[in-house]
Amino acid sequence: MSVKFNRDAYRKVFDDLDDYLRFCKVFGHPYDEAALYNKDDPNYATYVAFKSGTRISNNWMRDAKRNGRNIFVR
């Protein structure tokens, strides 16, 4: 008895993980691989909202404003 290898399913999962990681880095959310496809996780829910076109806040900008820093100056 052989096990069928579904290459497309594996590719989708790893592409989604890469996209979620990119989202977390750009918008300053904590990255947790276990949160992928978990609709109860608030960070993944924000990611899904972003993917559907909803504007979301950028945590890097929010933290910079709170701490009185300019993140665009080196």
N, C-alpha and C. Protein backbone atom coordinates (compact mmCIF):
# COMPACT_ATOMS: atom_id res chain seq x y z
N MET A 1 0.84 -1.17 0.00
CA MET A 1 0.00 0.00 0.00
C MET A 1 0.89 1.24 0.00
N SER A 2 0.66 2.13 -0.93
CA SER A 2 1.50 3.32 -1.03
C SER A 2 0.73 4.56 -0.56
N VAL A 3 1.50 5.54 -0.15
CA VAL A 3 0.93 6.81 0.30
C VAL A 3 1.02 7.80 -0.86
N LYS A 4 -0.09 8.45 -1.15
CA LYS A 4 -0.11 9.44 -2.22
C LYS A 4 0.49 10.75 -1.72
N PHE A 5 1.35 11.33 -2.53
CA PHE A 5 2.00 12.59 -2.20
C PHE A 5 1.30 13.70 -2.97
N ASN A 6 0.67 14.61 -2.25
CA ASN A 6 -0.05 15.70 -2.89
C ASN A 6 0.84 16.94 -2.89
N ARG A 7 1.59 17.10 -3.95
CA ARG A 7 2.56 18.19 -4.05
C ARG A 7 1.89 19.56 -3.98
N ASP A 8 0.73 19.72 -4.57
CA ASP A 8 0.05 21.02 -4.57
C ASP A 8 -0.37 21.43 -3.16
N ALA A 9 -0.83 20.47 -2.36
CA ALA A 9 -1.24 20.79 -1.00
C ALA A 9 -0.04 21.23 -0.15
N TYR A 10 1.08 20.53 -0.30
CA TYR A 10 2.28 20.92 0.44
C TYR A 10 2.78 22.28 -0.01
N ARG A 11 2.75 22.52 -1.30
CA ARG A 11 3.20 23.80 -1.83
C ARG A 11 2.33 24.94 -1.30
N LYS A 12 1.02 24.73 -1.25
CA LYS A 12 0.11 25.76 -0.74
C LYS A 12 0.40 26.08 0.72
N VAL A 13 0.62 25.05 1.53
CA VAL A 13 0.90 25.28 2.95
C VAL A 13 2.19 26.09 3.12
N PHE A 14 3.24 25.70 2.42
CA PHE A 14 4.51 26.41 2.58
C PHE A 14 4.47 27.81 1.98
N ASP A 15 3.73 27.99 0.90
CA ASP A 15 3.55 29.34 0.35
C ASP A 15 2.77 30.22 1.32
N ASP A 16 1.73 29.65 1.95
CA ASP A 16 0.96 30.40 2.94
C ASP A 16 1.81 30.74 4.16
N LEU A 17 2.67 29.81 4.59
CA LEU A 17 3.58 30.11 5.70
C LEU A 17 4.54 31.24 5.34
N ASP A 18 5.09 31.23 4.14
CA ASP A 18 5.97 32.31 3.71
C ASP A 18 5.25 33.65 3.66
N ASP A 19 4.02 33.63 3.15
CA ASP A 19 3.24 34.87 3.06
C ASP A 19 2.88 35.39 4.45
N TYR A 20 2.53 34.49 5.36
CA TYR A 20 2.21 34.89 6.74
C TYR A 20 3.44 35.45 7.44
N LEU A 21 4.61 34.85 7.22
CA LEU A 21 5.85 35.35 7.80
C LEU A 21 6.15 36.75 7.28
N ARG A 22 5.99 36.95 5.98
CA ARG A 22 6.22 38.28 5.39
C ARG A 22 5.28 39.31 5.99
N PHE A 23 4.00 38.94 6.15
CA PHE A 23 3.02 39.84 6.76
C PHE A 23 3.44 40.21 8.18
N CYS A 24 3.86 39.22 8.96
CA CYS A 24 4.25 39.47 10.35
C CYS A 24 5.46 40.39 10.43
N LYS A 25 6.41 40.22 9.53
CA LYS A 25 7.60 41.08 9.54
C LYS A 25 7.25 42.51 9.14
N VAL A 26 6.43 42.67 8.12
CA VAL A 26 6.12 44.00 7.62
C VAL A 26 5.25 44.78 8.60
N PHE A 27 4.27 44.12 9.20
CA PHE A 27 3.32 44.83 10.06
C PHE A 27 3.62 44.68 11.55
N GLY A 28 4.67 43.97 11.92
CA GLY A 28 5.10 43.91 13.31
C GLY A 28 4.27 43.01 14.19
N HIS A 29 3.76 41.93 13.66
CA HIS A 29 3.00 40.97 14.46
C HIS A 29 3.89 39.80 14.84
N PRO A 30 3.66 39.18 15.99
CA PRO A 30 4.46 38.00 16.34
C PRO A 30 4.15 36.84 15.40
N TYR A 31 5.19 36.15 14.99
CA TYR A 31 5.04 35.04 14.05
C TYR A 31 5.00 33.71 14.80
N ASP A 32 3.96 32.94 14.53
CA ASP A 32 3.82 31.62 15.12
C ASP A 32 3.26 30.70 14.05
N GLU A 33 4.05 29.69 13.67
CA GLU A 33 3.62 28.79 12.60
C GLU A 33 2.32 28.06 12.96
N ALA A 34 2.13 27.81 14.24
CA ALA A 34 0.93 27.07 14.67
C ALA A 34 -0.34 27.89 14.48
N ALA A 35 -0.20 29.20 14.30
CA ALA A 35 -1.38 30.06 14.13
C ALA A 35 -1.96 29.98 12.73
N LEU A 36 -1.20 29.43 11.78
CA LEU A 36 -1.68 29.35 10.40
C LEU A 36 -2.95 28.51 10.34
N TYR A 37 -3.97 29.05 9.70
CA TYR A 37 -5.30 28.43 9.54
C TYR A 37 -6.08 28.33 10.85
N ASN A 38 -5.61 28.98 11.92
CA ASN A 38 -6.32 28.97 13.20
C ASN A 38 -7.11 30.27 13.31
N LYS A 39 -8.40 30.20 13.06
CA LYS A 39 -9.22 31.40 13.03
C LYS A 39 -9.41 32.02 14.41
N ASP A 40 -9.10 31.29 15.48
CA ASP A 40 -9.22 31.83 16.83
C ASP A 40 -8.02 32.68 17.22
N ASP A 41 -6.92 32.57 16.50
CA ASP A 41 -5.71 33.35 16.81
C ASP A 41 -5.90 34.78 16.30
N PRO A 42 -5.71 35.79 17.16
CA PRO A 42 -5.96 37.18 16.73
C PRO A 42 -5.01 37.66 15.62
N ASN A 43 -3.77 37.20 15.63
CA ASN A 43 -2.84 37.63 14.59
C ASN A 43 -3.20 37.03 13.24
N TYR A 44 -3.62 35.77 13.24
CA TYR A 44 -4.04 35.16 11.97
C TYR A 44 -5.34 35.80 11.47
N ALA A 45 -6.23 36.16 12.38
CA ALA A 45 -7.47 36.83 11.99
C ALA A 45 -7.16 38.18 11.34
N THR A 46 -6.16 38.89 11.86
CA THR A 46 -5.74 40.15 11.27
C THR A 46 -5.14 39.92 9.88
N TYR A 47 -4.37 38.85 9.75
CA TYR A 47 -3.79 38.50 8.45
C TYR A 47 -4.89 38.20 7.43
N VAL A 48 -5.89 37.45 7.82
CA VAL A 48 -7.01 37.12 6.92
C VAL A 48 -7.76 38.40 6.53
N ALA A 49 -7.95 39.29 7.49
CA ALA A 49 -8.62 40.56 7.19
C ALA A 49 -7.80 41.37 6.20
N PHE A 50 -6.48 41.39 6.38
CA PHE A 50 -5.60 42.10 5.46
C PHE A 50 -5.68 41.50 4.06
N LYS A 51 -5.69 40.17 3.96
CA LYS A 51 -5.76 39.50 2.67
C LYS A 51 -7.10 39.78 1.96
N SER A 52 -8.14 40.03 2.74
CA SER A 52 -9.44 40.30 2.13
C SER A 52 -9.61 41.77 1.76
N GLY A 53 -8.60 42.62 2.08
CA GLY A 53 -8.65 44.01 1.66
C GLY A 53 -8.91 45.01 2.76
N THR A 54 -9.06 44.58 3.98
CA THR A 54 -9.29 45.49 5.10
C THR A 54 -8.00 46.19 5.47
N ARG A 55 -8.06 47.48 5.73
CA ARG A 55 -6.87 48.21 6.17
C ARG A 55 -6.61 47.87 7.62
N ILE A 56 -5.36 47.62 7.94
CA ILE A 56 -4.99 47.29 9.31
C ILE A 56 -3.88 48.22 9.75
N SER A 57 -3.70 48.31 11.06
CA SER A 57 -2.66 49.18 11.59
C SER A 57 -1.30 48.51 11.48
N ASN A 58 -0.29 49.35 11.36
CA ASN A 58 1.08 48.87 11.31
C ASN A 58 1.65 48.99 12.72
N ASN A 59 1.98 47.86 13.34
CA ASN A 59 2.46 47.88 14.72
C ASN A 59 3.79 48.60 14.85
N TRP A 60 4.63 48.58 13.82
CA TRP A 60 5.90 49.30 13.90
C TRP A 60 5.65 50.80 14.01
N MET A 61 4.71 51.32 13.23
CA MET A 61 4.38 52.74 13.29
C MET A 61 3.73 53.10 14.62
N ARG A 62 2.85 52.24 15.10
CA ARG A 62 2.19 52.48 16.38
C ARG A 62 3.20 52.56 17.52
N ASP A 63 4.15 51.62 17.55
CA ASP A 63 5.15 51.62 18.61
C ASP A 63 6.08 52.82 18.51
N ALA A 64 6.41 53.23 17.29
CA ALA A 64 7.27 54.40 17.12
C ALA A 64 6.58 55.65 17.63
N LYS A 65 5.29 55.79 17.36
CA LYS A 65 4.55 56.96 17.86
C LYS A 65 4.45 56.95 19.38
N ARG A 66 4.24 55.78 19.95
CA ARG A 66 4.14 55.68 21.41
C ARG A 66 5.45 56.06 22.10
N ASN A 67 6.57 55.69 21.47
CA ASN A 67 7.88 55.92 22.08
C ASN A 67 8.54 57.20 21.58
N GLY A 68 7.86 57.96 20.75
CA GLY A 68 8.40 59.23 20.27
C GLY A 68 9.61 59.07 19.37
N ARG A 69 9.62 58.03 18.55
CA ARG A 69 10.76 57.78 17.66
C ARG A 69 10.33 57.92 16.21
N ASN A 70 11.31 58.20 15.38
CA ASN A 70 11.08 58.28 13.94
C ASN A 70 11.78 57.08 13.30
N ILE A 71 11.00 56.15 12.76
CA ILE A 71 11.60 54.94 12.23
C ILE A 71 12.16 55.11 10.83
N PHE A 72 11.95 56.29 10.23
CA PHE A 72 12.43 56.51 8.87
C PHE A 72 13.79 57.19 8.82
N VAL A 73 14.34 57.55 9.96
CA VAL A 73 15.65 58.20 10.03
C VAL A 73 16.67 57.19 10.49
N ARG A 74 17.82 57.18 9.86
CA ARG A 74 18.87 56.24 10.27
C ARG A 74 19.74 56.80 11.33
